[in-house]
PDB file of N, CA and C in Angstrom:
ATOM      1  N   UNK A   1      30.474  -6.426  12.532  1.00  0.00           N
ATOM      2  CA  UNK A   1      29.658  -7.197  11.248  1.00  0.00           C
ATOM      3  C   UNK A   1      29.091  -7.917  11.776  1.00  0.00           C
ATOM      4  N   UNK A   2      27.741  -8.297  11.164  1.00  0.00           N
ATOM      5  CA  UNK A   2      27.218  -9.582  11.483  1.00  0.00           C
ATOM      6  C   UNK A   2      26.552  -9.895  10.238  1.00  0.00           C
ATOM      7  N   UNK A   3      26.494 -11.394   9.999  1.00  0.00           N
ATOM      8  CA  UNK A   3      25.991 -11.567   8.732  1.00  0.00           C
ATOM      9  C   UNK A   3      24.351 -12.105   8.925  1.00  0.00           C
ATOM     10  N   UNK A   4      23.497 -11.602   8.467  1.00  0.00           N
ATOM     11  CA  UNK A   4      22.120 -11.919   8.899  1.00  0.00           C
ATOM     12  C   UNK A   4      21.663 -12.888   8.168  1.00  0.00           C
ATOM     13  N   UNK A   5      21.867 -13.008   6.799  1.00  0.00           N
ATOM     14  CA  UNK A   5      21.398 -14.080   6.140  1.00  0.00           C
ATOM     15  C   UNK A   5      22.756 -14.620   5.062  1.00  0.00           C
ATOM     16  N   UNK A   6      23.019 -15.646   4.984  1.00  0.00           N
ATOM     17  CA  UNK A   6      23.841 -16.227   3.680  1.00  0.00           C
ATOM     18  C   UNK A   6      23.167 -16.744   2.984  1.00  0.00           C
ATOM     19  N   UNK A   7      23.264 -16.090   1.743  1.00  0.00           N
ATOM     20  CA  UNK A   7      22.382 -16.945   0.599  1.00  0.00           C
ATOM     21  C   UNK A   7      23.370 -17.721  -0.678  1.00  0.00           C
ATOM     22  N   UNK A   8      23.200 -18.943  -0.847  1.00  0.00           N
ATOM     23  CA  UNK A   8      23.957 -19.642  -1.322  1.00  0.00           C
ATOM     24  C   UNK A   8      22.771 -19.844  -3.120  1.00  0.00           C
ATOM     25  N   UNK A   9      23.217 -19.836  -4.123  1.00  0.00           N
ATOM     26  CA  UNK A   9      22.473 -20.164  -5.069  1.00  0.00           C
ATOM     27  C   UNK A   9      23.234 -21.243  -5.729  1.00  0.00           C
ATOM     28  N   UNK A  10      22.162 -22.133  -6.098  1.00  0.00           N
ATOM     29  CA  UNK A  10      23.240 -23.236  -6.786  1.00  0.00           C
ATOM     30  C   UNK A  10      21.989 -24.090  -7.597  1.00  0.00           C
ATOM     31  N   UNK A  11      22.485 -24.758  -8.843  1.00  0.00           N
ATOM     32  CA  UNK A  11      21.658 -25.620  -9.692  1.00  0.00           C
ATOM     33  C   UNK A  11      21.277 -26.847  -8.770  1.00  0.00           C
ATOM     34  N   UNK A  12      21.698 -27.273  -7.819  1.00  0.00           N
ATOM     35  CA  UNK A  12      21.948 -28.328  -7.196  1.00  0.00           C
ATOM     36  C   UNK A  12      21.347 -28.429  -5.445  1.00  0.00           C
ATOM     37  N   UNK A  13      20.537 -27.470  -5.210  1.00  0.00           N
ATOM     38  CA  UNK A  13      19.652 -27.323  -3.873  1.00  0.00           C
ATOM     39  C   UNK A  13      19.864 -28.501  -2.491  1.00  0.00           C
ATOM     40  N   UNK A  14      19.444 -29.805  -3.223  1.00  0.00           N
ATOM     41  CA  UNK A  14      19.207 -30.938  -2.517  1.00  0.00           C
ATOM     42  C   UNK A  14      20.737 -31.288  -2.213  1.00  0.00           C
ATOM     43  N   UNK A  15      21.402 -31.426  -2.753  1.00  0.00           N
ATOM     44  CA  UNK A  15      23.058 -31.942  -2.838  1.00  0.00           C
ATOM     45  C   UNK A  15      23.655 -31.000  -1.980  1.00  0.00           C
ATOM     46  N   UNK A  16      23.556 -29.532  -1.819  1.00  0.00           N
ATOM     47  CA  UNK A  16      24.177 -28.609  -1.482  1.00  0.00           C
ATOM     48  C   UNK A  16      23.743 -28.372   0.378  1.00  0.00           C
ATOM     49  N   UNK A  17      22.251 -28.674   0.189  1.00  0.00           N
ATOM     50  CA  UNK A  17      21.591 -28.941   1.486  1.00  0.00           C
ATOM     51  C   UNK A  17      22.137 -30.293   2.272  1.00  0.00           C
ATOM     52  N   UNK A  18      22.328 -31.134   1.604  1.00  0.00           N
ATOM     53  CA  UNK A  18      22.689 -32.334   2.045  1.00  0.00           C
ATOM     54  C   UNK A  18      24.255 -32.292   2.765  1.00  0.00           C
ATOM     55  N   UNK A  19      24.780 -31.784   1.877  1.00  0.00           N
ATOM     56  CA  UNK A  19      26.299 -31.641   2.325  1.00  0.00           C
ATOM     57  C   UNK A  19      26.442 -30.876   3.519  1.00  0.00           C
ATOM     58  N   UNK A  20      26.064 -29.673   3.484  1.00  0.00           N
ATOM     59  CA  UNK A  20      25.957 -28.937   4.500  1.00  0.00           C
ATOM     60  C   UNK A  20      25.557 -29.189   6.029  1.00  0.00           C
ATOM     61  N   UNK A  21      24.349 -29.901   5.619  1.00  0.00           N
ATOM     62  CA  UNK A  21      23.642 -30.684   6.688  1.00  0.00           C
ATOM     63  C   UNK A  21      24.483 -31.779   7.644  1.00  0.00           C
ATOM     64  N   UNK A  22      25.556 -32.452   6.743  1.00  0.00           N
ATOM     65  CA  UNK A  22      26.362 -33.499   7.087  1.00  0.00           C
ATOM     66  C   UNK A  22      27.423 -32.895   7.472  1.00  0.00           C
ATOM     67  N   UNK A  23      27.942 -31.863   7.057  1.00  0.00           N
ATOM     68  CA  UNK A  23      29.319 -31.205   7.596  1.00  0.00           C
ATOM     69  C   UNK A  23      29.055 -30.387   9.040  1.00  0.00           C
ATOM     70  N   UNK A  24      28.007 -29.755   9.116  1.00  0.00           N
ATOM     71  CA  UNK A  24      27.633 -28.801  10.093  1.00  0.00           C
ATOM     72  C   UNK A  24      26.460 -29.301  11.005  1.00  0.00           C
ATOM     73  N   UNK A  25      25.768 -30.237  10.714  1.00  0.00           N
ATOM     74  CA  UNK A  25      24.646 -31.088  11.884  1.00  0.00           C
ATOM     75  C   UNK A  25      23.762 -29.994  11.791  1.00  0.00           C
ATOM     76  N   UNK A  26      23.535 -29.490  10.642  1.00  0.00           N
ATOM     77  CA  UNK A  26      22.064 -28.631  10.914  1.00  0.00           C
ATOM     78  C   UNK A  26      20.800 -29.511  10.046  1.00  0.00           C
ATOM     79  N   UNK A  27      19.822 -28.846  10.109  1.00  0.00           N
ATOM     80  CA  UNK A  27      18.689 -29.216   9.472  1.00  0.00           C
ATOM     81  C   UNK A  27      18.328 -28.280   8.654  1.00  0.00           C
ATOM     82  N   UNK A  28      17.870 -28.181   7.487  1.00  0.00           N
ATOM     83  CA  UNK A  28      17.107 -27.291   6.714  1.00  0.00           C
ATOM     84  C   UNK A  28      15.625 -27.557   6.702  1.00  0.00           C
ATOM     85  N   UNK A  29      15.065 -26.276   6.566  1.00  0.00           N
ATOM     86  CA  UNK A  29      13.457 -26.050   6.221  1.00  0.00           C
ATOM     87  C   UNK A  29      13.196 -26.639   4.888  1.00  0.00           C
ATOM     88  N   UNK A  30      11.890 -26.847   4.829  1.00  0.00           N
ATOM     89  CA  UNK A  30      11.132 -26.647   3.386  1.00  0.00           C
ATOM     90  C   UNK A  30      11.290 -25.378   3.036  1.00  0.00           C
ATOM     91  N   UNK A  31      11.018 -25.549   1.444  1.00  0.00           N
ATOM     92  CA  UNK A  31      11.472 -24.172   0.598  1.00  0.00           C
ATOM     93  C   UNK A  31      10.642 -22.880   1.736  1.00  0.00           C
ATOM     94  N   UNK A  32      10.833 -21.591   1.560  1.00  0.00           N
ATOM     95  CA  UNK A  32      10.617 -20.806   1.961  1.00  0.00           C
ATOM     96  C   UNK A  32       9.851 -19.951   0.882  1.00  0.00           C
ATOM     97  N   UNK A  33       8.831 -19.666   0.390  1.00  0.00           N
ATOM     98  CA  UNK A  33       8.201 -18.813  -0.435  1.00  0.00           C
ATOM     99  C   UNK A  33       9.256 -17.468  -0.462  1.00  0.00           C
ATOM    100  N   UNK A  34       8.719 -16.634   0.394  1.00  0.00           N
ATOM    101  CA  UNK A  34       9.301 -15.465   0.628  1.00  0.00           C
ATOM    102  C   UNK A  34      10.867 -14.992   0.454  1.00  0.00           C
ATOM    103  N   UNK A  35      11.488 -16.543   0.560  1.00  0.00           N
ATOM    104  CA  UNK A  35      13.131 -15.915   0.221  1.00  0.00           C
ATOM    105  C   UNK A  35      13.455 -16.480  -0.753  1.00  0.00           C
ATOM    106  N   UNK A  36      12.628 -16.850  -1.797  1.00  0.00           N
ATOM    107  CA  UNK A  36      12.749 -17.230  -3.213  1.00  0.00           C
ATOM    108  C   UNK A  36      12.880 -18.971  -3.412  1.00  0.00           C
ATOM    109  N   UNK A  37      12.317 -19.592  -2.403  1.00  0.00           N
ATOM    110  CA  UNK A  37      11.948 -20.638  -2.215  1.00  0.00           C
ATOM    111  C   UNK A  37      13.464 -21.377  -1.510  1.00  0.00           C
ATOM    112  N   UNK A  38      14.128 -20.783  -0.912  1.00  0.00           N
ATOM    113  CA  UNK A  38      15.209 -21.091  -0.174  1.00  0.00           C
ATOM    114  C   UNK A  38      14.974 -22.085   0.972  1.00  0.00           C
ATOM    115  N   UNK A  39      15.626 -22.986   0.870  1.00  0.00           N
ATOM    116  CA  UNK A  39      15.663 -23.909   2.034  1.00  0.00           C
ATOM    117  C   UNK A  39      16.449 -23.341   3.184  1.00  0.00           C
ATOM    118  N   UNK A  40      16.175 -22.969   4.337  1.00  0.00           N
ATOM    119  CA  UNK A  40      17.202 -22.396   5.686  1.00  0.00           C
ATOM    120  C   UNK A  40      17.397 -22.927   6.598  1.00  0.00           C
ATOM    121  N   UNK A  41      18.513 -22.622   7.494  1.00  0.00           N
ATOM    122  CA  UNK A  41      18.746 -23.131   8.755  1.00  0.00           C
ATOM    123  C   UNK A  41      19.201 -22.201   9.435  1.00  0.00           C
ATOM    124  N   UNK A  42      19.435 -22.214  10.609  1.00  0.00           N
ATOM    125  CA  UNK A  42      20.063 -20.980  11.626  1.00  0.00           C
ATOM    126  C   UNK A  42      21.593 -21.105  11.575  1.00  0.00           C
ATOM    127  N   UNK A  43      22.087 -19.994  11.678  1.00  0.00           N
ATOM    128  CA  UNK A  43      23.528 -19.667  11.678  1.00  0.00           C
ATOM    129  C   UNK A  43      23.973 -19.615  13.104  1.00  0.00           C
ATOM    130  N   UNK A  44      25.058 -20.099  13.533  1.00  0.00           N
ATOM    131  CA  UNK A  44      25.324 -19.856  15.268  1.00  0.00           C
ATOM    132  C   UNK A  44      25.492 -18.501  15.249  1.00  0.00           C
ATOM    133  N   UNK A  45      24.890 -17.794  16.270  1.00  0.00           N
ATOM    134  CA  UNK A  45      24.728 -16.443  16.516  1.00  0.00           C
ATOM    135  C   UNK A  45      23.857 -15.463  15.938  1.00  0.00           C
ATOM    136  N   UNK A  46      23.305 -16.341  15.635  1.00  0.00           N
ATOM    137  CA  UNK A  46      21.679 -15.528  14.796  1.00  0.00           C
ATOM    138  C   UNK A  46      21.973 -15.386  13.431  1.00  0.00           C
ATOM    139  N   UNK A  47      21.026 -14.998  12.919  1.00  0.00           N
ATOM    140  CA  UNK A  47      20.937 -15.073  11.251  1.00  0.00           C
ATOM    141  C   UNK A  47      20.795 -16.406  10.567  1.00  0.00           C
ATOM    142  N   UNK A  48      20.497 -16.455   9.228  1.00  0.00           N
ATOM    143  CA  UNK A  48      20.235 -17.618   8.722  1.00  0.00           C
ATOM    144  C   UNK A  48      20.860 -17.923   7.446  1.00  0.00           C
ATOM    145  N   UNK A  49      21.031 -19.490   7.275  1.00  0.00           N
ATOM    146  CA  UNK A  49      21.752 -19.505   5.750  1.00  0.00           C
ATOM    147  C   UNK A  49      20.549 -19.999   4.540  1.00  0.00           C
ATOM    148  N   UNK A  50      20.329 -19.775   3.701  1.00  0.00           N
ATOM    149  CA  UNK A  50      19.738 -19.974   2.877  1.00  0.00           C
ATOM    150  C   UNK A  50      20.237 -20.565   1.217  1.00  0.00           C
ATOM    151  N   UNK A  51      19.693 -21.571   1.048  1.00  0.00           N
ATOM    152  CA  UNK A  51      20.396 -22.286  -0.062  1.00  0.00           C
ATOM    153  C   UNK A  51      18.781 -22.425  -1.011  1.00  0.00           C
ATOM    154  N   UNK A  52      19.078 -21.771  -2.121  1.00  0.00           N
ATOM    155  CA  UNK A  52      17.902 -21.954  -3.214  1.00  0.00           C
ATOM    156  C   UNK A  52      18.433 -22.037  -4.614  1.00  0.00           C
ATOM    157  N   UNK A  53      17.484 -22.330  -5.624  1.00  0.00           N
ATOM    158  CA  UNK A  53      18.084 -22.461  -7.118  1.00  0.00           C
ATOM    159  C   UNK A  53      17.659 -21.285  -7.757  1.00  0.00           C
ATOM    160  N   UNK A  54      18.390 -20.966  -8.596  1.00  0.00           N
ATOM    161  CA  UNK A  54      18.566 -19.573  -9.719  1.00  0.00           C
ATOM    162  C   UNK A  54      16.824 -19.366  -9.940  1.00  0.00           C
ATOM    163  N   UNK A  55      16.700 -18.098  -9.674  1.00  0.00           N
ATOM    164  CA  UNK A  55      15.191 -17.568 -10.083  1.00  0.00           C
ATOM    165  C   UNK A  55      15.036 -17.449 -11.667  1.00  0.00           C
ATOM    166  N   UNK A  56      15.977 -17.276 -12.290  1.00  0.00           N
ATOM    167  CA  UNK A  56      15.452 -17.421 -13.813  1.00  0.00           C
ATOM    168  C   UNK A  56      16.796 -17.975 -14.415  1.00  0.00           C
ATOM    169  N   UNK A  57      16.814 -17.898 -15.942  1.00  0.00           N
ATOM    170  CA  UNK A  57      17.934 -18.584 -16.545  1.00  0.00           C
ATOM    171  C   UNK A  57      19.287 -17.827 -16.702  1.00  0.00           C
ATOM    172  N   UNK A  58      18.952 -16.396 -16.232  1.00  0.00           N
ATOM    173  CA  UNK A  58      20.320 -15.446 -16.282  1.00  0.00           C
ATOM    174  C   UNK A  58      20.660 -15.496 -14.907  1.00  0.00           C
ATOM    175  N   UNK A  59      20.159 -16.010 -13.813  1.00  0.00           N
ATOM    176  CA  UNK A  59      20.892 -15.791 -12.407  1.00  0.00           C
ATOM    177  C   UNK A  59      22.044 -17.064 -12.503  1.00  0.00           C
ATOM    178  N   UNK A  60      23.234 -16.845 -12.105  1.00  0.00           N
ATOM    179  CA  UNK A  60      24.155 -17.476 -11.807  1.00  0.00           C
ATOM    180  C   UNK A  60      24.379 -18.063 -10.514  1.00  0.00           C
ATOM    181  N   UNK A  61      25.322 -19.180 -10.304  1.00  0.00           N
ATOM    182  CA  UNK A  61      25.319 -19.395  -8.977  1.00  0.00           C
ATOM    183  C   UNK A  61      26.185 -18.444  -8.316  1.00  0.00           C
ATOM    184  N   UNK A  62      26.041 -18.519  -6.917  1.00  0.00           N
ATOM    185  CA  UNK A  62      26.699 -17.539  -6.088  1.00  0.00           C
ATOM    186  C   UNK A  62      26.655 -17.390  -4.675  1.00  0.00           C
ATOM    187  N   UNK A  63      27.386 -17.260  -3.985  1.00  0.00           N
ATOM    188  CA  UNK A  63      27.266 -17.248  -2.721  1.00  0.00           C
ATOM    189  C   UNK A  63      27.182 -15.454  -2.171  1.00  0.00           C
ATOM    190  N   UNK A  64      26.165 -15.015  -1.289  1.00  0.00           N
ATOM    191  CA  UNK A  64      26.165 -13.811  -1.165  1.00  0.00           C
ATOM    192  C   UNK A  64      26.100 -13.528   0.422  1.00  0.00           C
ATOM    193  N   UNK A  65      27.001 -12.989   1.102  1.00  0.00           N
ATOM    194  CA  UNK A  65      26.570 -12.747   2.116  1.00  0.00           C
ATOM    195  C   UNK A  65      25.528 -11.176   2.364  1.00  0.00           C
ATOM    196  N   UNK A  66      24.669 -11.434   3.188  1.00  0.00           N
ATOM    197  CA  UNK A  66      23.694 -10.121   3.857  1.00  0.00           C
ATOM    198  C   UNK A  66      24.355  -9.487   5.042  1.00  0.00           C
ATOM    199  N   UNK A  67      24.782  -8.139   4.822  1.00  0.00           N
ATOM    200  CA  UNK A  67      25.329  -7.897   6.249  1.00  0.00           C
ATOM    201  C   UNK A  67      24.109  -7.215   6.815  1.00  0.00           C
ATOM    202  N   UNK A  68      23.881  -7.398   8.159  1.00  0.00           N
ATOM    203  CA  UNK A  68      23.082  -6.351   8.921  1.00  0.00           C
ATOM    204  C   UNK A  68      23.409  -5.100   9.022  1.00  0.00           C
ATOM    205  N   UNK A  69      22.280  -4.246   8.957  1.00  0.00           N
ATOM    206  CA  UNK A  69      22.552  -2.808   9.083  1.00  0.00           C
ATOM    207  C   UNK A  69      21.195  -2.373   9.432  1.00  0.00           C
ATOM    208  N   UNK A  70      21.142  -0.807  10.403  1.00  0.00           N
ATOM    209  CA  UNK A  70      20.589  -0.396  10.992  1.00  0.00           C
ATOM    210  C   UNK A  70      19.515   0.038  10.001  1.00  0.00           C
ATOM    211  N   UNK A  71      20.187   1.005   8.590  1.00  0.00           N
ATOM    212  CA  UNK A  71      19.422   1.709   7.793  1.00  0.00           C
ATOM    213  C   UNK A  71      19.715   1.198   6.400  1.00  0.00           C
ATOM    214  N   UNK A  72      18.961   0.275   5.604  1.00  0.00           N
ATOM    215  CA  UNK A  72      19.279  -0.361   4.434  1.00  0.00           C
ATOM    216  C   UNK A  72      19.269   0.861   3.452  1.00  0.00           C
ATOM    217  N   UNK A  73      18.588   1.900   3.282  1.00  0.00           N
ATOM    218  CA  UNK A  73      18.480   2.846   2.270  1.00  0.00           C
ATOM    219  C   UNK A  73      19.742   3.717   2.514  1.00  0.00           C
ATOM    220  N   UNK A  74      20.163   4.023   3.697  1.00  0.00           N
ATOM    221  CA  UNK A  74      21.587   4.690   3.641  1.00  0.00           C
ATOM    222  C   UNK A  74      22.455   3.749   3.352  1.00  0.00           C
ATOM    223  N   UNK A  75      22.634   2.462   3.856  1.00  0.00           N
ATOM    224  CA  UNK A  75      23.769   1.815   3.536  1.00  0.00           C
ATOM    225  C   UNK A  75      23.825   1.764   1.933  1.00  0.00           C
ATOM    226  N   UNK A  76      22.635   1.698   1.112  1.00  0.00           N
ATOM    227  CA  UNK A  76      22.613   1.604  -0.302  1.00  0.00           C
ATOM    228  C   UNK A  76      23.579   2.796  -0.682  1.00  0.00           C
ATOM    229  N   UNK A  77      22.951   4.017  -0.263  1.00  0.00           N
ATOM    230  CA  UNK A  77      23.495   5.084  -0.503  1.00  0.00           C
ATOM    231  C   UNK A  77      25.109   5.147  -0.426  1.00  0.00           C
ATOM    232  N   UNK A  78      25.463   4.629   0.606  1.00  0.00           N
ATOM    233  CA  UNK A  78      26.807   4.538   1.057  1.00  0.00           C
ATOM    234  C   UNK A  78      27.545   3.796   0.069  1.00  0.00           C
ATOM    235  N   UNK A  79      26.951   2.601  -0.483  1.00  0.00           N
ATOM    236  CA  UNK A  79      27.749   1.629  -1.361  1.00  0.00           C
ATOM    237  C   UNK A  79      28.071   2.316  -2.460  1.00  0.00           C
ATOM    238  N   UNK A  80      26.771   3.126  -3.136  1.00  0.00           N
ATOM    239  CA  UNK A  80      26.487   3.723  -4.183  1.00  0.00           C
ATOM    240  C   UNK A  80      27.734   4.993  -4.278  1.00  0.00           C
ATOM    241  N   UNK A  81      27.910   5.363  -3.436  1.00  0.00           N
ATOM    242  CA  UNK A  81      28.850   6.688  -3.026  1.00  0.00           C
ATOM    243  C   UNK A  81      30.524   6.088  -3.037  1.00  0.00           C
ATOM    244  N   UNK A  82      30.650   4.623  -2.841  1.00  0.00           N
ATOM    245  CA  UNK A  82      31.932   4.211  -2.779  1.00  0.00           C
ATOM    246  C   UNK A  82      32.124   3.387  -4.055  1.00  0.00           C
ATOM    247  N   UNK A  83      30.863   3.300  -4.948  1.00  0.00           N
ATOM    248  CA  UNK A  83      31.373   3.250  -6.509  1.00  0.00           C
ATOM    249  C   UNK A  83      30.934   1.665  -6.657  1.00  0.00           C
ATOM    250  N   UNK A  84      29.730   1.231  -5.555  1.00  0.00           N
ATOM    251  CA  UNK A  84      29.110  -0.060  -6.080  1.00  0.00           C
ATOM    252  C   UNK A  84      28.168   0.159  -7.253  1.00  0.00           C
ATOM    253  N   UNK A  85      27.858  -1.010  -7.806  1.00  0.00           N
ATOM    254  CA  UNK A  85      26.558  -0.995  -8.348  1.00  0.00           C
ATOM    255  C   UNK A  85      25.327  -1.402  -7.749  1.00  0.00           C
ATOM    256  N   UNK A  86      24.541  -1.090  -7.803  1.00  0.00           N
ATOM    257  CA  UNK A  86      22.867  -1.778  -6.927  1.00  0.00           C
ATOM    258  C   UNK A  86      22.570  -2.434  -7.945  1.00  0.00           C
ATOM    259  N   UNK A  87      22.491  -3.940  -7.389  1.00  0.00           N
ATOM    260  CA  UNK A  87      21.892  -4.756  -8.390  1.00  0.00           C
ATOM    261  C   UNK A  87      20.347  -4.946  -7.905  1.00  0.00           C
ATOM    262  N   UNK A  88      20.030  -4.889  -6.973  1.00  0.00           N
ATOM    263  CA  UNK A  88      18.732  -4.683  -6.392  1.00  0.00           C
ATOM    264  C   UNK A  88      18.392  -3.758  -5.305  1.00  0.00           C
ATOM    265  N   UNK A  89      17.501  -2.737  -5.406  1.00  0.00           N
ATOM    266  CA  UNK A  89      17.110  -1.744  -4.639  1.00  0.00           C
ATOM    267  C   UNK A  89      16.429  -2.381  -3.533  1.00  0.00           C
ATOM    268  N   UNK A  90      16.494  -1.717  -2.295  1.00  0.00           N
ATOM    269  CA  UNK A  90      15.771  -2.209  -1.419  1.00  0.00           C
ATOM    270  C   UNK A  90      14.324  -2.343  -1.399  1.00  0.00           C
ATOM    271  N   UNK A  91      14.111  -3.886  -0.602  1.00  0.00           N
ATOM    272  CA  UNK A  91      12.861  -4.321  -1.053  1.00  0.00           C
ATOM    273  C   UNK A  91      12.467  -5.387   0.194  1.00  0.00           C
ATOM    274  N   UNK A  92      11.122  -4.745   0.888  1.00  0.00           N
ATOM    275  CA  UNK A  92      10.662  -5.536   2.124  1.00  0.00           C
ATOM    276  C   UNK A  92      10.330  -6.839   1.754  1.00  0.00           C
ATOM    277  N   UNK A  93      10.739  -7.910   2.635  1.00  0.00           N
ATOM    278  CA  UNK A  93      10.148  -9.244   2.581  1.00  0.00           C
ATOM    279  C   UNK A  93       9.537  -9.328   3.738  1.00  0.00           C
ATOM    280  N   UNK A  94       7.879  -9.361   3.911  1.00  0.00           N
ATOM    281  CA  UNK A  94       7.094  -9.539   5.048  1.00  0.00           C
ATOM    282  C   UNK A  94       7.388 -10.577   5.899  1.00  0.00           C
ATOM    283  N   UNK A  95       7.843 -10.163   7.161  1.00  0.00           N
ATOM    284  CA  UNK A  95       8.096 -11.504   8.201  1.00  0.00           C
ATOM    285  C   UNK A  95       9.695 -11.693   8.004  1.00  0.00           C
ATOM    286  N   UNK A  96      10.303 -10.758   7.424  1.00  0.00           N
ATOM    287  CA  UNK A  96      11.693 -11.360   7.416  1.00  0.00           C
ATOM    288  C   UNK A  96      12.716 -10.030   7.375  1.00  0.00           C
ATOM    289  N   UNK A  97      12.419  -8.738   6.792  1.00  0.00           N
ATOM    290  CA  UNK A  97      12.780  -7.519   7.205  1.00  0.00           C
ATOM    291  C   UNK A  97      13.232  -7.103   5.507  1.00  0.00           C
ATOM    292  N   UNK A  98      13.940  -5.915   5.393  1.00  0.00           N
ATOM    293  CA  UNK A  98      14.216  -5.451   4.172  1.00  0.00           C
ATOM    294  C   UNK A  98      15.728  -5.561   3.751  1.00  0.00           C
ATOM    295  N   UNK A  99      15.870  -5.948   2.130  1.00  0.00           N
ATOM    296  CA  UNK A  99      17.017  -6.336   2.031  1.00  0.00           C
ATOM    297  C   UNK A  99      17.220  -5.558   0.705  1.00  0.00           C
ATOM    298  N   UNK A 100      18.945  -5.208   0.085  1.00  0.00           N
ATOM    299  CA  UNK A 100      18.824  -4.996  -1.046  1.00  0.00           C
ATOM    300  C   UNK A 100      20.585  -5.525  -1.497  1.00  0.00           C
ATOM    301  N   UNK A 101      20.844  -5.546  -2.785  1.00  0.00           N
ATOM    302  CA  UNK A 101      21.889  -6.297  -3.148  1.00  0.00           C
ATOM    303  C   UNK A 101      22.688  -5.526  -4.071  1.00  0.00           C
ATOM    304  N   UNK A 102      24.245  -5.344  -3.742  1.00  0.00           N
ATOM    305  CA  UNK A 102      25.001  -4.377  -4.311  1.00  0.00           C
ATOM    306  C   UNK A 102      26.216  -5.167  -5.123  1.00  0.00           C
ATOM    307  N   UNK A 103      27.098  -5.031  -5.765  1.00  0.00           N
ATOM    308  CA  UNK A 103      28.144  -5.367  -6.413  1.00  0.00           C
ATOM    309  C   UNK A 103      29.127  -4.627  -6.338  1.00  0.00           C
ATOM    310  N   UNK A 104      30.391  -4.936  -5.954  1.00  0.00           N
ATOM    311  CA  UNK A 104      31.502  -4.224  -5.682  1.00  0.00           C
ATOM    312  C   UNK A 104      32.723  -4.999  -6.086  1.00  0.00           C
ATOM    313  N   UNK A 105      33.651  -4.438  -7.171  1.00  0.00           N
ATOM    314  CA  UNK A 105      34.756  -5.410  -7.664  1.00  0.00           C
ATOM    315  C   UNK A 105      34.445  -7.001  -7.840  1.00  0.00           C
ATOM    316  N   UNK A 106      33.183  -6.949  -8.710  1.00  0.00           N
ATOM    317  CA  UNK A 106      32.883  -8.177  -8.947  1.00  0.00           C
ATOM    318  C   UNK A 106      32.036  -8.917  -7.746  1.00  0.00           C
ATOM    319  N   UNK A 107      32.180  -8.775  -6.669  1.00  0.00           N
ATOM    320  CA  UNK A 107      31.777  -9.455  -5.585  1.00  0.00           C
ATOM    321  C   UNK A 107      30.218  -9.134  -5.143  1.00  0.00           C
ATOM    322  N   UNK A 108      29.481 -10.208  -4.973  1.00  0.00           N
ATOM    323  CA  UNK A 108      28.128  -9.765  -4.696  1.00  0.00           C
ATOM    324  C   UNK A 108      28.050  -9.506  -3.240  1.00  0.00           C
ATOM    325  N   UNK A 109      27.001  -8.372  -2.717  1.00  0.00           N
ATOM    326  CA  UNK A 109      26.662  -8.271  -1.287  1.00  0.00           C
ATOM    327  C   UNK A 109      25.583  -7.883  -1.121  1.00  0.00           C
ATOM    328  N   UNK A 110      24.934  -8.332   0.017  1.00  0.00           N
ATOM    329  CA  UNK A 110      23.553  -8.062   0.426  1.00  0.00           C
ATOM    330  C   UNK A 110      23.673  -7.049   1.644  1.00  0.00           C
ATOM    331  N   UNK A 111      22.589  -6.169   1.943  1.00  0.00           N
ATOM    332  CA  UNK A 111      22.223  -5.579   3.009  1.00  0.00           C
ATOM    333  C   UNK A 111      21.009  -6.007   3.439  1.00  0.00           C
ATOM    334  N   UNK A 112      20.841  -6.253   4.766  1.00  0.00           N
ATOM    335  CA  UNK A 112      19.657  -6.632   5.454  1.00  0.00           C
ATOM    336  C   UNK A 112      19.063  -5.632   6.528  1.00  0.00           C
ATOM    337  N   UNK A 113      18.128  -5.283   6.539  1.00  0.00           N
ATOM    338  CA  UNK A 113      17.367  -4.466   7.872  1.00  0.00           C
ATOM    339  C   UNK A 113      16.522  -5.468   8.610  1.00  0.00           C
ATOM    340  N   UNK A 114      16.398  -5.334   9.964  1.00  0.00           N
ATOM    341  CA  UNK A 114      15.558  -6.407  10.287  1.00  0.00           C
ATOM    342  C   UNK A 114      14.244  -5.741  10.495  1.00  0.00           C
TER     343      UNK A 114
END
């Protein structure tokens, strides 16, 4: 298992980026529009962490790992078959890959295909 993208949605992006930078010695990018204006930094072993603000009033703060998969469509079907609720169907983010989001047991998970 590999976390390709670790997403943190928070109402205080600057404070979260500052504390992660101080704790882990990383530097965050400027906002990346194709990732919901997340500020990103590299994760050890590959992948990225992205910290962004909620994209609308209904979006709650959350920490969501996006698991790297070979076939995001097949992984979504498997998650559905296991009883997961699909919160976001597969969507390609040009230059980044394809993602989907599911919720199982009240926990948010993402799927990521390069």
